Protein backbone atom coordinates (compact mmCIF):
# COMPACT_ATOMS: atom_id res chain seq x y z
CA MET A 1 7.46 -2.56 20.90
CA ILE A 2 10.62 -2.10 18.84
CA PRO A 3 13.59 -3.95 20.43
CA THR A 4 16.45 -1.70 21.50
CA THR A 5 18.93 -4.01 19.74
CA GLN A 6 17.12 -3.37 16.45
CA VAL A 7 17.24 0.38 16.90
CA GLU A 8 20.93 0.10 17.68
CA ARG A 9 21.52 -1.82 14.45
CA TRP A 10 19.66 0.78 12.43
CA LEU A 11 21.66 3.62 13.92
CA GLU A 12 25.00 1.80 13.68
CA GLU A 13 24.36 1.14 10.01
CA ASP A 14 23.71 4.84 9.33
CA LEU A 15 26.14 6.52 11.69
CA GLY A 16 29.16 4.25 11.49
CA HIS A 17 31.92 4.75 14.04
CA HIS A 18 32.91 8.40 13.45
CA ASP A 19 29.97 10.62 12.67
CA VAL A 20 31.31 14.14 12.23
CA THR A 21 28.42 15.33 10.04
CA ASN A 22 26.00 15.67 12.96
CA HIS A 23 28.33 17.36 15.51
CA VAL A 24 26.00 20.35 15.70
CA PRO A 25 25.80 22.36 18.97
CA GLY A 26 22.68 23.53 20.76
CA GLN A 27 19.06 22.40 20.91
CA THR A 28 16.64 22.14 18.01
CA GLU A 29 13.16 21.05 16.95
CA GLY A 30 12.31 19.01 13.90
CA ARG A 31 9.26 17.69 12.15
CA LEU A 32 8.52 14.86 9.74
CA VAL A 33 6.37 16.15 6.89
CA ALA A 34 4.53 14.28 4.15
CA LYS A 35 5.46 15.25 0.58
CA GLU A 36 2.77 13.07 -0.88
CA ALA A 37 -0.57 11.68 0.27
CA GLY A 38 -0.87 8.15 1.58
CA VAL A 39 -1.48 5.92 4.58
CA VAL A 40 1.02 6.45 7.38
CA ALA A 41 2.83 3.65 9.23
CA GLY A 42 6.14 3.05 10.97
CA LEU A 43 5.80 5.94 13.40
CA GLU A 44 6.36 3.70 16.42
CA ALA A 45 9.75 2.77 14.96
CA ALA A 46 10.68 6.41 14.41
CA GLU A 47 9.59 7.20 17.99
CA ALA A 48 11.80 4.35 19.26
CA VAL A 49 14.79 5.76 17.35
CA PHE A 50 14.41 9.26 18.78
CA SER A 51 13.69 7.90 22.25
CA TYR A 52 16.94 5.87 22.14
CA LEU A 53 18.76 9.10 21.28
CA ASP A 54 17.27 10.85 24.36
CA THR A 55 15.15 13.25 22.35
CA GLU A 56 11.42 13.92 22.75
CA ALA A 57 9.18 12.72 19.95
CA GLU A 58 5.47 13.55 19.63
CA LEU A 59 3.31 11.53 17.21
CA LEU A 60 0.66 13.74 15.61
CA VAL A 61 -1.21 11.04 13.73
CA ASP A 62 -1.95 7.36 14.24
CA ALA A 63 -0.80 4.39 12.19
CA GLY A 64 -3.37 3.77 9.44
CA ASP A 65 -4.40 7.41 9.13
CA GLN A 66 -4.68 8.97 5.67
CA ILE A 67 -2.21 11.84 5.46
CA GLU A 68 -2.04 14.67 2.93
CA VAL A 69 0.73 16.66 1.32
CA GLY A 70 2.32 19.08 3.79
CA GLU A 71 0.95 17.38 6.89
CA THR A 72 3.28 17.03 9.86
CA VAL A 73 3.17 13.53 11.28
CA LEU A 74 5.83 13.73 14.00
CA ARG A 75 7.62 16.44 15.98
CA VAL A 76 10.91 15.98 17.83
CA SER A 77 12.99 18.17 20.08
CA GLY A 78 16.31 17.81 21.87
CA PRO A 79 20.05 18.24 21.31
CA ALA A 80 20.59 19.12 17.64
CA ARG A 81 23.26 16.42 17.35
CA ASP A 82 20.84 13.68 18.40
CA VAL A 83 17.84 14.98 16.47
CA LEU A 84 19.91 14.99 13.29
CA ARG A 85 21.35 11.55 14.00
CA GLY A 86 17.89 10.07 14.09
CA GLU A 87 16.60 11.98 11.04
CA ARG A 88 17.54 9.68 8.16
CA VAL A 89 16.68 6.43 9.95
CA ALA A 90 13.26 7.81 10.89
CA VAL A 91 12.53 9.11 7.37
CA ASN A 92 13.59 5.84 5.76
CA ILE A 93 11.53 3.60 8.01
CA VAL A 94 8.37 5.75 8.02
CA GLY A 95 8.61 6.26 4.28
CA HIS A 96 9.01 2.51 3.59
CA ALA A 97 6.34 1.44 6.09
CA SER A 98 3.91 4.06 4.81
CA GLY A 99 4.49 2.82 1.28
CA VAL A 100 3.54 -0.67 2.37
CA ALA A 101 0.46 0.62 4.23
CA THR A 102 -0.60 2.69 1.24
CA GLN A 103 -0.31 -0.23 -1.17
CA THR A 104 -2.21 -2.44 1.23
CA ARG A 105 -5.06 0.10 1.55
CA LYS A 106 -5.31 0.27 -2.26
CA ALA A 107 -5.55 -3.49 -2.55
CA VAL A 108 -8.09 -3.76 0.25
CA SER A 109 -10.30 -1.07 -1.33
CA ALA A 110 -10.06 -2.62 -4.79
CA ALA A 111 -10.93 -6.04 -3.45
CA GLU A 112 -13.91 -4.78 -1.48
CA GLU A 113 -15.32 -2.91 -4.48
CA ALA A 114 -14.87 -5.90 -6.82
CA ALA A 115 -16.38 -8.37 -4.33
CA GLU A 116 -19.38 -6.17 -3.72
CA ALA A 117 -19.99 -5.88 -7.45
CA ALA A 118 -19.76 -9.67 -7.80
CA GLY A 119 -22.04 -10.30 -4.82
CA VAL A 120 -19.47 -12.24 -2.80
CA GLU A 121 -17.85 -11.65 0.60
CA PRO A 122 -14.73 -9.55 0.30
CA PRO A 123 -11.52 -11.50 0.90
CA ARG A 124 -8.87 -10.53 3.37
CA ILE A 125 -5.80 -9.03 1.79
CA ALA A 126 -2.73 -10.56 3.47
CA GLY A 127 1.00 -10.00 3.43
CA THR A 128 3.50 -12.84 3.02
CA ARG A 129 6.96 -13.74 4.33
CA LYS A 130 8.49 -11.92 1.37
CA THR A 131 9.76 -9.21 3.69
CA THR A 132 13.01 -7.27 4.04
CA PRO A 133 15.40 -9.04 6.44
CA GLY A 134 15.43 -7.19 9.72
CA LEU A 135 12.24 -5.23 8.89
CA ARG A 136 9.56 -7.93 9.03
CA GLY A 137 7.94 -6.53 12.19
CA VAL A 138 7.81 -3.04 10.73
CA GLU A 139 6.42 -4.26 7.43
CA LYS A 140 3.83 -6.56 8.96
CA ARG A 141 2.57 -3.79 11.20
CA ALA A 142 2.37 -1.57 8.10
CA VAL A 143 0.21 -4.18 6.34
CA ALA A 144 -2.10 -4.15 9.38
CA ALA A 145 -2.15 -0.33 9.34
CA GLY A 146 -3.32 -0.45 5.75
CA GLY A 147 -6.20 -2.69 6.68
CA GLY A 148 -4.60 -5.98 5.63
CA ASP A 149 -3.98 -9.23 7.44
CA THR A 150 -0.46 -10.09 8.56
CA HIS A 151 -0.77 -13.83 7.66
CA ARG A 152 1.82 -15.91 9.48
CA LEU A 153 4.61 -13.86 11.00
CA ASN A 154 7.13 -16.68 10.91
CA LEU A 155 7.36 -20.42 10.29
CA SER A 156 6.21 -21.34 13.80
CA HIS A 157 2.78 -19.68 13.42
CA MET A 158 1.38 -22.09 10.85
CA VAL A 159 2.44 -25.15 8.92
CA MET A 160 2.47 -24.59 5.18
CA VAL A 161 2.79 -27.71 3.09
CA LYS A 162 4.36 -26.46 -0.13
CA ASP A 163 5.17 -27.96 -3.52
CA ASN A 164 8.60 -29.23 -2.41
CA HIS A 165 7.10 -31.05 0.57
CA ILE A 166 4.52 -32.67 -1.68
CA ALA A 167 7.21 -33.60 -4.20
CA GLU A 168 9.21 -35.34 -1.49
CA MET A 169 6.42 -37.06 0.43
CA GLY A 170 3.20 -36.83 -1.56
CA MET A 171 0.29 -34.67 -0.45
CA ASP A 172 -1.51 -37.06 1.91
CA ASP A 173 1.68 -38.28 3.63
CA ALA A 174 3.07 -34.76 3.94
CA ILE A 175 -0.09 -33.47 5.61
CA ALA A 176 -0.14 -36.46 8.00
CA HIS A 177 3.59 -36.05 8.72
CA PHE A 178 3.23 -32.42 9.83
CA ALA A 179 -0.07 -32.94 11.60
CA LYS A 180 1.69 -35.37 13.99
CA ARG A 181 4.38 -32.83 14.80
CA THR A 182 2.41 -29.67 15.39
CA SER A 183 0.23 -28.33 18.19
CA PHE A 184 -3.51 -28.91 18.08
CA ALA A 185 -3.87 -25.14 17.90
CA THR A 186 -1.67 -24.70 14.81
CA LYS A 187 -3.40 -24.50 11.45
CA ILE A 188 -2.16 -26.43 8.42
CA GLU A 189 -2.19 -24.80 4.99
CA VAL A 190 -1.58 -26.80 1.84
CA GLU A 191 -0.44 -25.38 -1.49
CA VAL A 192 -2.09 -26.80 -4.64
CA GLU A 193 -1.43 -26.02 -8.25
CA ARG A 194 -4.63 -27.49 -9.77
CA PRO A 195 -8.23 -26.66 -8.81
CA GLU A 196 -9.02 -30.38 -8.60
CA ASP A 197 -6.54 -30.87 -5.80
CA ALA A 198 -8.25 -28.38 -3.48
CA PRO A 199 -10.89 -30.74 -2.05
CA ARG A 200 -8.33 -33.54 -1.79
CA ALA A 201 -6.14 -31.33 0.39
CA ALA A 202 -9.10 -30.46 2.62
CA ASP A 203 -10.07 -34.11 2.95
CA ALA A 204 -6.50 -34.89 4.03
CA GLY A 205 -6.63 -32.35 6.86
CA ALA A 206 -5.85 -28.92 5.44
CA ASP A 207 -7.44 -25.99 7.29
CA ILE A 208 -6.52 -23.61 4.48
CA VAL A 209 -5.92 -24.44 0.83
CA LEU A 210 -3.58 -22.13 -1.09
CA LEU A 211 -4.54 -21.95 -4.75
CA ASP A 212 -1.13 -21.04 -6.10
CA ASN A 213 -0.33 -19.35 -9.39
CA LEU A 214 -3.75 -20.04 -10.89
CA SER A 215 -5.77 -17.78 -13.17
CA PRO A 216 -8.87 -16.11 -11.70
CA GLU A 217 -11.01 -18.64 -13.56
CA GLU A 218 -9.04 -21.57 -12.13
CA THR A 219 -9.06 -20.00 -8.70
CA GLU A 220 -12.86 -19.64 -8.79
CA ARG A 221 -13.20 -23.31 -9.74
CA GLY A 222 -10.89 -24.34 -6.89
CA ALA A 223 -12.86 -22.24 -4.41
CA ASP A 224 -16.14 -23.76 -5.66
CA LEU A 225 -14.81 -27.30 -5.38
CA LEU A 226 -13.56 -26.55 -1.89
CA GLY A 227 -16.87 -25.17 -0.65
CA GLU A 228 -16.99 -24.75 3.13
CA SER A 229 -14.57 -27.59 3.92
CA ALA A 230 -11.56 -25.24 4.29
CA LEU A 231 -10.58 -21.63 3.77
CA ALA A 232 -9.49 -20.79 0.24
CA GLU A 233 -6.51 -18.55 -0.36
CA ALA A 234 -5.34 -17.16 -3.70
CA SER A 235 -1.65 -16.29 -4.15
CA GLY A 236 1.08 -16.08 -6.72
CA GLY A 237 2.01 -12.91 -8.57
CA ILE A 238 -1.21 -11.05 -7.73
CA THR A 239 -0.88 -7.30 -8.32
CA GLN A 240 -2.89 -4.16 -7.79
CA GLU A 241 -4.17 -4.55 -11.34
CA THR A 242 -5.29 -8.15 -10.97
CA VAL A 243 -6.56 -8.20 -7.36
CA PRO A 244 -10.14 -7.22 -8.40
CA ALA A 245 -10.42 -10.26 -10.62
CA TYR A 246 -9.31 -12.57 -7.79
CA ALA A 247 -11.60 -10.82 -5.30
CA LYS A 248 -14.59 -11.85 -7.45
CA THR A 249 -13.74 -15.56 -7.23
CA GLY A 250 -15.11 -16.11 -3.72
CA VAL A 251 -11.80 -16.92 -2.04
CA ASP A 252 -11.42 -16.04 1.65
CA ILE A 253 -7.87 -14.64 1.45
CA ILE A 254 -5.68 -13.03 -1.18
CA SER A 255 -2.02 -12.96 -0.22
CA MET A 256 0.29 -10.56 -2.02
CA GLY A 257 4.06 -10.51 -1.70
CA SER A 258 4.13 -7.26 -3.64
CA LEU A 259 2.69 -5.42 -0.65
CA THR A 260 6.08 -5.63 1.02
CA HIS A 261 8.70 -6.47 -1.60
CA SER A 262 7.57 -3.98 -4.24
CA ALA A 263 5.87 -1.13 -2.41
CA PRO A 264 7.20 2.31 -3.42
CA THR A 265 8.37 4.52 -0.57
CA LEU A 266 6.02 7.29 0.47
CA ASP A 267 7.90 10.58 0.14
CA LEU A 268 8.51 12.39 3.43
CA SER A 269 10.92 15.11 4.50
CA PHE A 270 12.49 15.98 7.86
CA ARG A 271 12.78 19.70 8.55
CA THR A 272 14.35 21.59 11.43
CA SER A 273 12.76 24.91 10.55
CA GLU A 274 9.21 26.03 9.82
């Protein structure tokens, strides 16, 4: 569900206060067409935009579907003025979300292939909180559409004890401090920068240990030292090129900020004629 207030902000940003460009009479039909292949996402946001404008939108594919060049993913009909008003917002959001989904699918596939070759369980590919302000929901749903894991959606979903917390309080005291202040159902993740600190974090109460900015070799050592005492997560500058090496290390999760902050937009076009 896309909040109405969010749709209003998107439209206000694009239309301003005196939109003359789209004062077009009559009724029309439009379609959103893929100009390159990829994994589609963000259609529910586009549908919400057109619905707000009192036009009829029909989704022709589902989030997570592989789409090909020339494929129509959405049709819309209604007053020409309103169809055209929603056009750019819909194209931008679906293009961006589909780019995130496509990058996620690539990472998931690469990780699965590398893990299978190494004889280990494939890790989950997860997004991070490195999202575009105002678009986190869209981007997180796009990660899920691409086969990835959303990770925590906001700070309330999980406690993450990071380097600055440890610098201020020390690892053991920081974990104990947050454990006293959180729900029994909330997991605690602890960031470590040395493989040797992974079992120490687990012993102190970490449910998940984040092996941060380590090489694949260091990450594998950290995961080995951790064993089954906590989940192991690799993170820190991991790219499409390096994700296979990390997938072979035996970690449970690979989180990648690049899925959201660096995904190229999937090229789509909105057309009002066949």
